[in-house]
């Protein structure tokens, strides 16, 4: 009997199967046959769902707030540092402290 290749299930599929298991309309064996997944995998996904369900309703509303990045100020800082590096490179080369080889 040959083994089937390893499958990677999407998070949406895992959530769908776990929610079906939480509902309790069908047994784990029936769900395993319907979704073509091992019963132990369904049990694991169900426990993951139940364990992390409190994170959805916790403080922050489920999605962590990403800090806003000011791209203009970052580009300005990059330009400023590049200018300083070019100036210092020229000054050190002129003073003979920086070799031209690198």
N, C-alpha and C. Protein backbone atom coordinates (compact mmCIF):
# COMPACT_ATOMS: atom_id res chain seq x y z
N UNK A 1 0.84 -1.17 0.00
CA UNK A 1 0.00 0.00 0.00
C UNK A 1 0.89 1.24 0.00
N UNK A 2 0.70 2.10 -0.95
CA UNK A 2 1.54 3.30 -1.03
C UNK A 2 0.93 4.42 -0.19
N UNK A 3 1.83 5.22 0.32
CA UNK A 3 1.39 6.35 1.13
C UNK A 3 1.12 7.54 0.23
N UNK A 4 0.17 8.34 0.62
CA UNK A 4 -0.13 9.53 -0.17
C UNK A 4 0.85 10.62 0.23
N UNK A 5 1.14 11.56 -0.68
CA UNK A 5 2.09 12.63 -0.35
C UNK A 5 1.55 13.54 0.75
N UNK A 6 2.47 14.15 1.44
CA UNK A 6 2.12 15.04 2.54
C UNK A 6 1.32 16.22 2.01
N UNK A 7 0.25 16.56 2.72
CA UNK A 7 -0.61 17.67 2.31
C UNK A 7 -0.49 18.81 3.31
N UNK A 8 -0.51 20.02 2.81
CA UNK A 8 -0.52 21.21 3.65
C UNK A 8 -1.89 21.86 3.49
N UNK A 9 -2.61 21.93 4.59
CA UNK A 9 -3.96 22.50 4.55
C UNK A 9 -3.90 23.99 4.86
N UNK A 10 -4.76 24.73 4.20
CA UNK A 10 -4.81 26.18 4.43
C UNK A 10 -5.45 26.47 5.78
N UNK A 11 -5.14 27.62 6.35
CA UNK A 11 -5.77 27.99 7.62
C UNK A 11 -7.29 28.06 7.53
N UNK A 12 -7.81 28.46 6.38
CA UNK A 12 -9.27 28.53 6.22
C UNK A 12 -9.89 27.14 6.29
N UNK A 13 -9.23 26.15 5.67
CA UNK A 13 -9.73 24.78 5.72
C UNK A 13 -9.69 24.24 7.14
N UNK A 14 -8.58 24.52 7.84
CA UNK A 14 -8.45 24.05 9.22
C UNK A 14 -9.54 24.65 10.10
N UNK A 15 -9.82 25.94 9.90
CA UNK A 15 -10.86 26.60 10.70
C UNK A 15 -12.23 26.01 10.40
N UNK A 16 -12.48 25.73 9.14
CA UNK A 16 -13.76 25.15 8.74
C UNK A 16 -13.97 23.79 9.39
N UNK A 17 -12.93 22.96 9.37
CA UNK A 17 -13.03 21.63 9.96
C UNK A 17 -13.17 21.73 11.47
N UNK A 18 -12.39 22.61 12.10
CA UNK A 18 -12.44 22.75 13.56
C UNK A 18 -13.80 23.28 14.01
N UNK A 19 -14.35 24.23 13.28
CA UNK A 19 -15.68 24.74 13.63
C UNK A 19 -16.75 23.67 13.48
N UNK A 20 -16.61 22.84 12.46
CA UNK A 20 -17.56 21.74 12.29
C UNK A 20 -17.45 20.77 13.46
N UNK A 21 -16.23 20.57 13.97
CA UNK A 21 -16.04 19.68 15.12
C UNK A 21 -16.60 20.29 16.38
N UNK A 22 -16.48 21.60 16.53
CA UNK A 22 -17.01 22.27 17.72
C UNK A 22 -18.53 22.24 17.73
N UNK A 23 -19.14 22.37 16.55
CA UNK A 23 -20.60 22.33 16.46
C UNK A 23 -21.17 21.06 17.07
N UNK A 24 -20.54 19.93 16.76
CA UNK A 24 -20.99 18.67 17.33
C UNK A 24 -22.13 18.02 16.60
N UNK A 25 -22.46 18.49 15.40
CA UNK A 25 -23.54 17.88 14.62
C UNK A 25 -23.19 16.44 14.21
N UNK A 26 -21.92 16.24 13.87
CA UNK A 26 -21.45 14.94 13.43
C UNK A 26 -20.29 14.49 14.31
N UNK A 27 -20.02 13.22 14.31
CA UNK A 27 -18.91 12.70 15.11
C UNK A 27 -17.59 13.02 14.42
N UNK A 28 -16.50 12.87 15.16
CA UNK A 28 -15.17 13.13 14.61
C UNK A 28 -14.90 12.17 13.45
N UNK A 29 -15.34 10.92 13.58
CA UNK A 29 -15.13 9.93 12.52
C UNK A 29 -15.88 10.33 11.25
N UNK A 30 -17.08 10.84 11.40
CA UNK A 30 -17.85 11.27 10.23
C UNK A 30 -17.19 12.48 9.57
N UNK A 31 -16.70 13.41 10.39
CA UNK A 31 -16.01 14.59 9.85
C UNK A 31 -14.72 14.18 9.14
N UNK A 32 -14.01 13.22 9.72
CA UNK A 32 -12.77 12.76 9.11
C UNK A 32 -13.03 12.15 7.74
N UNK A 33 -14.09 11.40 7.63
CA UNK A 33 -14.43 10.80 6.34
C UNK A 33 -14.89 11.86 5.35
N UNK A 34 -15.67 12.82 5.82
CA UNK A 34 -16.19 13.87 4.94
C UNK A 34 -15.07 14.77 4.41
N UNK A 35 -14.16 15.19 5.30
CA UNK A 35 -13.09 16.12 4.90
C UNK A 35 -11.82 15.41 4.47
N UNK A 36 -11.79 14.06 4.55
CA UNK A 36 -10.63 13.26 4.17
C UNK A 36 -9.38 13.67 4.96
N UNK A 37 -9.56 13.72 6.28
CA UNK A 37 -8.49 14.08 7.20
C UNK A 37 -8.51 13.06 8.35
N UNK A 38 -7.36 12.82 8.93
CA UNK A 38 -7.28 11.87 10.05
C UNK A 38 -8.02 12.43 11.27
N UNK A 39 -8.72 11.57 12.02
CA UNK A 39 -9.46 12.05 13.20
C UNK A 39 -8.58 12.74 14.24
N UNK A 40 -7.34 12.25 14.41
CA UNK A 40 -6.44 12.91 15.37
C UNK A 40 -6.13 14.34 14.95
N UNK A 41 -6.04 14.58 13.64
CA UNK A 41 -5.77 15.93 13.15
C UNK A 41 -6.94 16.85 13.44
N UNK A 42 -8.14 16.35 13.30
CA UNK A 42 -9.34 17.15 13.60
C UNK A 42 -9.37 17.50 15.08
N UNK A 43 -9.04 16.54 15.93
CA UNK A 43 -9.01 16.79 17.37
C UNK A 43 -7.96 17.85 17.71
N UNK A 44 -6.81 17.78 17.06
CA UNK A 44 -5.75 18.76 17.31
C UNK A 44 -6.19 20.16 16.88
N UNK A 45 -6.81 20.25 15.70
CA UNK A 45 -7.27 21.56 15.21
C UNK A 45 -8.37 22.12 16.10
N UNK A 46 -9.23 21.24 16.59
CA UNK A 46 -10.31 21.67 17.48
C UNK A 46 -9.74 22.24 18.77
N UNK A 47 -8.75 21.56 19.34
CA UNK A 47 -8.16 22.06 20.59
C UNK A 47 -7.39 23.36 20.36
N UNK A 48 -6.75 23.50 19.19
CA UNK A 48 -6.08 24.77 18.87
C UNK A 48 -7.10 25.90 18.77
N UNK A 49 -8.23 25.63 18.15
CA UNK A 49 -9.28 26.64 18.02
C UNK A 49 -9.81 27.04 19.39
N UNK A 50 -10.09 26.06 20.21
CA UNK A 50 -10.62 26.36 21.54
C UNK A 50 -9.60 27.07 22.41
N UNK A 51 -8.32 26.75 22.24
CA UNK A 51 -7.27 27.39 23.03
C UNK A 51 -7.01 28.83 22.65
N UNK A 52 -7.16 29.13 21.37
CA UNK A 52 -6.84 30.50 20.92
C UNK A 52 -8.08 31.34 20.66
N UNK A 53 -9.26 30.83 20.95
CA UNK A 53 -10.48 31.60 20.72
C UNK A 53 -10.55 32.83 21.62
N UNK A 54 -9.99 32.75 22.80
CA UNK A 54 -10.03 33.89 23.71
C UNK A 54 -9.18 35.05 23.19
N UNK A 55 -8.17 34.76 22.35
CA UNK A 55 -7.33 35.82 21.79
C UNK A 55 -8.12 36.71 20.83
N UNK A 56 -9.11 36.14 20.19
CA UNK A 56 -9.90 36.90 19.23
C UNK A 56 -10.71 37.98 19.94
N UNK A 57 -11.25 37.64 21.11
CA UNK A 57 -12.10 38.58 21.82
C UNK A 57 -11.36 39.35 22.91
N UNK A 58 -10.07 39.16 23.02
CA UNK A 58 -9.28 39.87 24.03
C UNK A 58 -9.06 41.31 23.63
N UNK A 59 -8.24 41.99 24.40
CA UNK A 59 -7.96 43.40 24.10
C UNK A 59 -7.25 43.50 22.76
N UNK A 60 -7.66 44.40 21.95
CA UNK A 60 -7.07 44.60 20.64
C UNK A 60 -7.96 44.12 19.52
N UNK A 61 -8.96 43.33 19.81
CA UNK A 61 -9.92 42.93 18.80
C UNK A 61 -9.44 41.90 17.81
N UNK A 62 -8.41 41.13 18.12
CA UNK A 62 -8.01 40.05 17.25
C UNK A 62 -6.79 40.36 16.41
N UNK A 63 -6.74 41.51 15.75
CA UNK A 63 -5.58 41.83 14.94
C UNK A 63 -4.72 42.82 15.70
N UNK A 64 -3.43 42.52 15.85
CA UNK A 64 -2.56 43.45 16.55
C UNK A 64 -2.38 44.73 15.75
N UNK A 65 -2.33 45.85 16.44
CA UNK A 65 -2.17 47.13 15.78
C UNK A 65 -0.74 47.27 15.28
N UNK A 66 -0.58 47.53 13.99
CA UNK A 66 0.75 47.72 13.44
C UNK A 66 1.09 49.20 13.51
N UNK A 67 2.29 49.51 13.95
CA UNK A 67 2.65 50.93 14.05
C UNK A 67 2.76 51.54 12.65
N UNK A 68 2.30 52.77 12.53
CA UNK A 68 2.38 53.44 11.25
C UNK A 68 3.82 53.89 11.01
N UNK A 69 4.28 53.69 9.81
CA UNK A 69 5.66 54.02 9.44
C UNK A 69 5.62 55.23 8.52
N UNK A 70 6.39 56.25 8.88
CA UNK A 70 6.49 57.44 8.05
C UNK A 70 7.63 57.23 7.06
N UNK A 71 7.27 56.86 5.84
CA UNK A 71 8.27 56.52 4.82
C UNK A 71 9.09 57.75 4.43
N UNK A 72 8.46 58.90 4.38
CA UNK A 72 9.19 60.12 3.99
C UNK A 72 10.32 60.43 4.96
N UNK A 73 10.04 60.31 6.25
CA UNK A 73 11.10 60.61 7.23
C UNK A 73 12.21 59.57 7.18
N UNK A 74 11.85 58.31 6.89
CA UNK A 74 12.89 57.28 6.77
C UNK A 74 13.77 57.53 5.55
N UNK A 75 13.17 57.93 4.42
CA UNK A 75 13.97 58.26 3.24
C UNK A 75 14.86 59.47 3.50
N UNK A 76 14.35 60.43 4.24
CA UNK A 76 15.15 61.61 4.57
C UNK A 76 16.34 61.22 5.44
N UNK A 77 16.12 60.31 6.39
CA UNK A 77 17.20 59.87 7.27
C UNK A 77 18.25 59.09 6.47
N UNK A 78 17.81 58.26 5.52
CA UNK A 78 18.75 57.52 4.68
C UNK A 78 19.60 58.48 3.86
N UNK A 79 18.98 59.51 3.29
CA UNK A 79 19.72 60.50 2.52
C UNK A 79 20.73 61.25 3.38
N UNK A 80 20.31 61.60 4.59
CA UNK A 80 21.20 62.31 5.51
C UNK A 80 22.42 61.45 5.87
N UNK A 81 22.20 60.19 6.18
CA UNK A 81 23.31 59.30 6.54
C UNK A 81 24.23 59.03 5.36
N UNK A 82 23.65 58.92 4.16
CA UNK A 82 24.48 58.73 2.97
C UNK A 82 25.37 59.94 2.73
N UNK A 83 24.82 61.12 2.90
CA UNK A 83 25.59 62.35 2.74
C UNK A 83 26.73 62.41 3.76
N UNK A 84 26.44 62.08 5.01
CA UNK A 84 27.48 62.08 6.03
C UNK A 84 28.58 61.07 5.72
N UNK A 85 28.20 59.87 5.28
CA UNK A 85 29.19 58.85 4.95
C UNK A 85 30.08 59.28 3.79
N UNK A 86 29.48 59.88 2.76
CA UNK A 86 30.26 60.36 1.62
C UNK A 86 31.23 61.46 2.05
N UNK A 87 30.77 62.37 2.89
CA UNK A 87 31.64 63.45 3.36
C UNK A 87 32.81 62.90 4.18
N UNK A 88 32.52 62.00 5.10
CA UNK A 88 33.58 61.43 5.93
C UNK A 88 34.55 60.59 5.12
N UNK A 89 34.05 59.88 4.12
CA UNK A 89 34.93 59.09 3.27
C UNK A 89 35.90 59.99 2.52
N UNK A 90 35.37 61.09 2.00
CA UNK A 90 36.23 62.03 1.28
C UNK A 90 37.25 62.67 2.19
N UNK A 91 36.85 63.05 3.40
CA UNK A 91 37.77 63.69 4.34
C UNK A 91 38.85 62.71 4.79
N UNK A 92 38.50 61.49 5.06
CA UNK A 92 39.48 60.50 5.50
C UNK A 92 40.43 60.11 4.38
N UNK A 93 39.92 60.06 3.16
CA UNK A 93 40.79 59.75 2.02
C UNK A 93 41.79 60.88 1.80
N UNK A 94 41.32 62.10 1.92
CA UNK A 94 42.19 63.27 1.73
C UNK A 94 43.27 63.32 2.81
N UNK A 95 42.91 62.90 4.04
CA UNK A 95 43.87 62.92 5.15
C UNK A 95 44.81 61.72 5.09
N UNK A 96 44.55 60.76 4.23
CA UNK A 96 45.41 59.59 4.10
C UNK A 96 45.11 58.50 5.11
N UNK A 97 44.01 58.60 5.81
CA UNK A 97 43.65 57.60 6.81
C UNK A 97 42.80 56.47 6.24
N UNK A 98 42.29 56.67 5.04
CA UNK A 98 41.45 55.65 4.41
C UNK A 98 42.09 55.29 3.09
N UNK A 99 42.38 54.00 2.93
CA UNK A 99 43.02 53.57 1.68
C UNK A 99 42.03 53.58 0.55
N UNK A 100 42.48 53.82 -0.66
CA UNK A 100 41.62 53.88 -1.82
C UNK A 100 41.23 52.48 -2.30
N UNK A 101 41.94 51.42 -1.84
CA UNK A 101 41.69 50.06 -2.28
C UNK A 101 40.36 49.54 -1.77
N UNK A 102 40.19 49.58 -0.49
CA UNK A 102 39.03 49.01 0.20
C UNK A 102 38.98 47.57 -0.09
